[in-house]
Amino acid sequence: MQNANLEQDVINLSKEKWGWMAERNVDTLDALFHEKSVFVHMGGSWGKEQELEIIKSGGIHYKKADIHEVSVNVMGETAVLLNRITLLAVVGGTSVTNPFMVTEVYVRQDDSWQLAALSFTKLLTPQ
């Protein structure tokens, strides 16, 4: 498969992931998140099980990610995707909106992509 097709597959998967996170669809996310995946937020970093529990419990409810820019680089069996987003979330019962650059790292195993890392970097410039 050509890189352009692989890149579009990863872009589509990332977009779907934001929907699954908003819907708190932990079963689908469980399959997407690699067993050794890591998540970096403004409040800390943790692994797959804690991220799924936070989503399931509503500790962080990713209500809506407005994607402004997306780019992806495929390097063999690894893809690094950057999303510039405005994220509307509910954190600890409080609605917050923040501009982020989100780095997503995907690894390809058995002809499917799994999310290996998700990192939020808050942007200081307005959207």
C-alpha atoms as a PDB file:
ATOM      1  CA  MET A   1       0.000   0.000   0.000  1.00  0.00           C
ATOM      2  CA  GLN A   2       1.356   3.419  -0.878  1.00  0.00           C
ATOM      3  CA  ASN A   3       2.236   5.902   1.854  1.00  0.00           C
ATOM      4  CA  ALA A   4      -0.484   8.348   0.728  1.00  0.00           C
ATOM      5  CA  ASN A   5      -3.115   5.670   1.349  1.00  0.00           C
ATOM      6  CA  LEU A   6      -1.570   4.730   4.691  1.00  0.00           C
ATOM      7  CA  GLU A   7      -1.457   8.388   5.705  1.00  0.00           C
ATOM      8  CA  GLN A   8      -5.146   8.830   4.874  1.00  0.00           C
ATOM      9  CA  ASP A   9      -5.993   5.657   6.832  1.00  0.00           C
ATOM     10  CA  VAL A  10      -4.261   7.068   9.919  1.00  0.00           C
ATOM     11  CA  ILE A  11      -5.944  10.474   9.507  1.00  0.00           C
ATOM     12  CA  ASN A  12      -9.346   8.768   9.261  1.00  0.00           C
ATOM     13  CA  LEU A  13      -8.627   6.547  12.262  1.00  0.00           C
ATOM     14  CA  SER A  14      -7.540   9.534  14.355  1.00  0.00           C
ATOM     15  CA  LYS A  15     -10.722  11.404  13.469  1.00  0.00           C
ATOM     16  CA  GLU A  16     -12.826   8.371  14.400  1.00  0.00           C
ATOM     17  CA  LYS A  17     -10.903   8.098  17.683  1.00  0.00           C
ATOM     18  CA  TRP A  18     -12.031  11.614  18.715  1.00  0.00           C
ATOM     19  CA  GLY A  19     -15.638  10.500  18.131  1.00  0.00           C
ATOM     20  CA  TRP A  20     -15.148   7.311  20.161  1.00  0.00           C
ATOM     21  CA  MET A  21     -13.609   9.355  22.974  1.00  0.00           C
ATOM     22  CA  ALA A  22     -16.546  11.798  22.924  1.00  0.00           C
ATOM     23  CA  GLU A  23     -19.004   8.870  23.004  1.00  0.00           C
ATOM     24  CA  ARG A  24     -16.955   7.193  25.768  1.00  0.00           C
ATOM     25  CA  ASN A  25     -16.830   4.042  23.635  1.00  0.00           C
ATOM     26  CA  VAL A  26     -14.237   2.266  25.782  1.00  0.00           C
ATOM     27  CA  ASP A  27     -14.666  -1.122  24.088  1.00  0.00           C
ATOM     28  CA  THR A  28     -13.609   0.269  20.705  1.00  0.00           C
ATOM     29  CA  LEU A  29     -10.860   2.358  22.323  1.00  0.00           C
ATOM     30  CA  ASP A  30      -9.600  -0.715  24.182  1.00  0.00           C
ATOM     31  CA  ALA A  31      -9.008  -2.406  20.819  1.00  0.00           C
ATOM     32  CA  LEU A  32      -7.390   0.735  19.367  1.00  0.00           C
ATOM     33  CA  PHE A  33      -5.017   1.452  22.266  1.00  0.00           C
ATOM     34  CA  HIS A  34      -1.854  -0.653  22.228  1.00  0.00           C
ATOM     35  CA  GLU A  35      -1.283  -2.637  25.443  1.00  0.00           C
ATOM     36  CA  LYS A  36       1.832  -0.549  26.168  1.00  0.00           C
ATOM     37  CA  SER A  37       0.305   2.795  25.109  1.00  0.00           C
ATOM     38  CA  VAL A  38       1.015   5.994  27.022  1.00  0.00           C
ATOM     39  CA  PHE A  39      -1.049   9.154  27.460  1.00  0.00           C
ATOM     40  CA  VAL A  40       0.360  12.570  28.388  1.00  0.00           C
ATOM     41  CA  HIS A  41      -2.042  15.229  29.631  1.00  0.00           C
ATOM     42  CA  MET A  42      -1.688  18.605  31.323  1.00  0.00           C
ATOM     43  CA  GLY A  43      -2.252  16.842  34.652  1.00  0.00           C
ATOM     44  CA  GLY A  44       0.116  13.899  34.244  1.00  0.00           C
ATOM     45  CA  SER A  45       0.878  10.769  32.283  1.00  0.00           C
ATOM     46  CA  TRP A  46      -0.371   7.192  32.512  1.00  0.00           C
ATOM     47  CA  GLY A  47      -1.022   3.981  30.626  1.00  0.00           C
ATOM     48  CA  LYS A  48      -3.885   2.357  28.751  1.00  0.00           C
ATOM     49  CA  GLU A  49      -5.924   1.041  31.689  1.00  0.00           C
ATOM     50  CA  GLN A  50      -5.979   4.370  33.523  1.00  0.00           C
ATOM     51  CA  GLU A  51      -6.890   6.267  30.331  1.00  0.00           C
ATOM     52  CA  LEU A  52      -9.789   3.885  29.634  1.00  0.00           C
ATOM     53  CA  GLU A  53     -10.989   4.193  33.246  1.00  0.00           C
ATOM     54  CA  ILE A  54     -10.814   8.005  33.094  1.00  0.00           C
ATOM     55  CA  ILE A  55     -12.880   7.992  29.889  1.00  0.00           C
ATOM     56  CA  LYS A  56     -15.362   5.418  31.218  1.00  0.00           C
ATOM     57  CA  SER A  57     -15.868   7.202  34.559  1.00  0.00           C
ATOM     58  CA  GLY A  58     -16.133  10.645  32.982  1.00  0.00           C
ATOM     59  CA  GLY A  59     -13.055  11.915  34.861  1.00  0.00           C
ATOM     60  CA  ILE A  60     -12.240  13.506  31.522  1.00  0.00           C
ATOM     61  CA  HIS A  61     -15.065  13.707  29.000  1.00  0.00           C
ATOM     62  CA  TYR A  62     -13.669  14.617  25.603  1.00  0.00           C
ATOM     63  CA  LYS A  63     -16.848  16.281  24.354  1.00  0.00           C
ATOM     64  CA  LYS A  64     -15.662  17.747  21.058  1.00  0.00           C
ATOM     65  CA  ALA A  65     -12.381  18.111  19.226  1.00  0.00           C
ATOM     66  CA  ASP A  66     -12.438  20.755  16.498  1.00  0.00           C
ATOM     67  CA  ILE A  67      -9.583  19.766  14.192  1.00  0.00           C
ATOM     68  CA  HIS A  68      -7.936  22.760  12.501  1.00  0.00           C
ATOM     69  CA  GLU A  69      -4.871  21.131  10.952  1.00  0.00           C
ATOM     70  CA  VAL A  70      -3.639  17.577  10.599  1.00  0.00           C
ATOM     71  CA  SER A  71      -0.437  16.092   9.256  1.00  0.00           C
ATOM     72  CA  VAL A  72       0.961  12.587   9.332  1.00  0.00           C
ATOM     73  CA  ASN A  73       4.287  10.963   8.541  1.00  0.00           C
ATOM     74  CA  VAL A  74       4.461   7.212   7.970  1.00  0.00           C
ATOM     75  CA  MET A  75       7.852   5.645   8.666  1.00  0.00           C
ATOM     76  CA  GLY A  76       7.697   1.915   8.043  1.00  0.00           C
ATOM     77  CA  GLU A  77       5.312   0.442  10.608  1.00  0.00           C
ATOM     78  CA  THR A  78       5.049   3.694  12.602  1.00  0.00           C
ATOM     79  CA  ALA A  79       2.942   6.778  11.919  1.00  0.00           C
ATOM     80  CA  VAL A  80       3.257  10.106  13.725  1.00  0.00           C
ATOM     81  CA  LEU A  81       0.193  12.314  13.428  1.00  0.00           C
ATOM     82  CA  LEU A  82      -0.106  15.930  14.569  1.00  0.00           C
ATOM     83  CA  ASN A  83      -3.512  17.501  15.184  1.00  0.00           C
ATOM     84  CA  ARG A  84      -3.960  21.188  15.978  1.00  0.00           C
ATOM     85  CA  ILE A  85      -7.280  21.174  17.786  1.00  0.00           C
ATOM     86  CA  THR A  86      -9.567  23.116  20.056  1.00  0.00           C
ATOM     87  CA  LEU A  87     -10.779  20.646  22.653  1.00  0.00           C
ATOM     88  CA  LEU A  88     -13.997  21.060  24.597  1.00  0.00           C
ATOM     89  CA  ALA A  89     -13.802  18.752  27.577  1.00  0.00           C
ATOM     90  CA  VAL A  90     -15.351  18.304  30.989  1.00  0.00           C
ATOM     91  CA  VAL A  91     -12.648  17.759  33.587  1.00  0.00           C
ATOM     92  CA  GLY A  92     -13.733  17.107  37.155  1.00  0.00           C
ATOM     93  CA  GLY A  93     -17.208  18.456  36.385  1.00  0.00           C
ATOM     94  CA  THR A  94     -15.955  21.722  34.851  1.00  0.00           C
ATOM     95  CA  SER A  95     -16.219  22.526  31.125  1.00  0.00           C
ATOM     96  CA  VAL A  96     -12.909  23.702  29.673  1.00  0.00           C
ATOM     97  CA  THR A  97     -11.834  24.660  26.172  1.00  0.00           C
ATOM     98  CA  ASN A  98      -8.149  24.571  25.279  1.00  0.00           C
ATOM     99  CA  PRO A  99      -6.057  24.854  22.122  1.00  0.00           C
ATOM    100  CA  PHE A 100      -3.735  21.862  21.782  1.00  0.00           C
ATOM    101  CA  MET A 101      -1.210  20.340  19.457  1.00  0.00           C
ATOM    102  CA  VAL A 102      -1.847  16.637  19.898  1.00  0.00           C
ATOM    103  CA  THR A 103       0.838  14.143  18.966  1.00  0.00           C
ATOM    104  CA  GLU A 104      -0.419  10.658  18.178  1.00  0.00           C
ATOM    105  CA  VAL A 105       1.905   7.752  17.481  1.00  0.00           C
ATOM    106  CA  TYR A 106       0.463   4.679  15.782  1.00  0.00           C
ATOM    107  CA  VAL A 107       2.137   1.323  15.202  1.00  0.00           C
ATOM    108  CA  ARG A 108       1.026  -1.092  12.513  1.00  0.00           C
ATOM    109  CA  GLN A 109       0.586  -4.690  13.630  1.00  0.00           C
ATOM    110  CA  ASP A 110      -1.191  -7.447  11.717  1.00  0.00           C
ATOM    111  CA  ASP A 111      -2.412  -4.970   9.063  1.00  0.00           C
ATOM    112  CA  SER A 112      -4.098  -2.661  11.567  1.00  0.00           C
ATOM    113  CA  TRP A 113      -3.005   0.507  13.336  1.00  0.00           C
ATOM    114  CA  GLN A 114      -2.871   0.754  17.118  1.00  0.00           C
ATOM    115  CA  LEU A 115      -2.407   3.940  19.108  1.00  0.00           C
ATOM    116  CA  ALA A 116       0.889   3.775  21.010  1.00  0.00           C
ATOM    117  CA  ALA A 117       1.078   7.332  22.372  1.00  0.00           C
ATOM    118  CA  LEU A 118      -1.197  10.340  22.729  1.00  0.00           C
ATOM    119  CA  SER A 119       0.265  13.595  24.013  1.00  0.00           C
ATOM    120  CA  PHE A 120      -1.435  16.954  24.552  1.00  0.00           C
ATOM    121  CA  THR A 121       0.635  20.140  24.327  1.00  0.00           C
ATOM    122  CA  LYS A 122      -1.309  23.278  25.230  1.00  0.00           C
ATOM    123  CA  LEU A 123      -0.739  26.051  22.736  1.00  0.00           C
ATOM    124  CA  LEU A 124      -0.112  29.584  24.005  1.00  0.00           C
ATOM    125  CA  THR A 125      -1.215  31.243  20.775  1.00  0.00           C
ATOM    126  CA  PRO A 126      -4.909  31.740  20.049  1.00  0.00           C
ATOM    127  CA  GLN A 127      -6.609  29.514  17.508  1.00  0.00           C
END
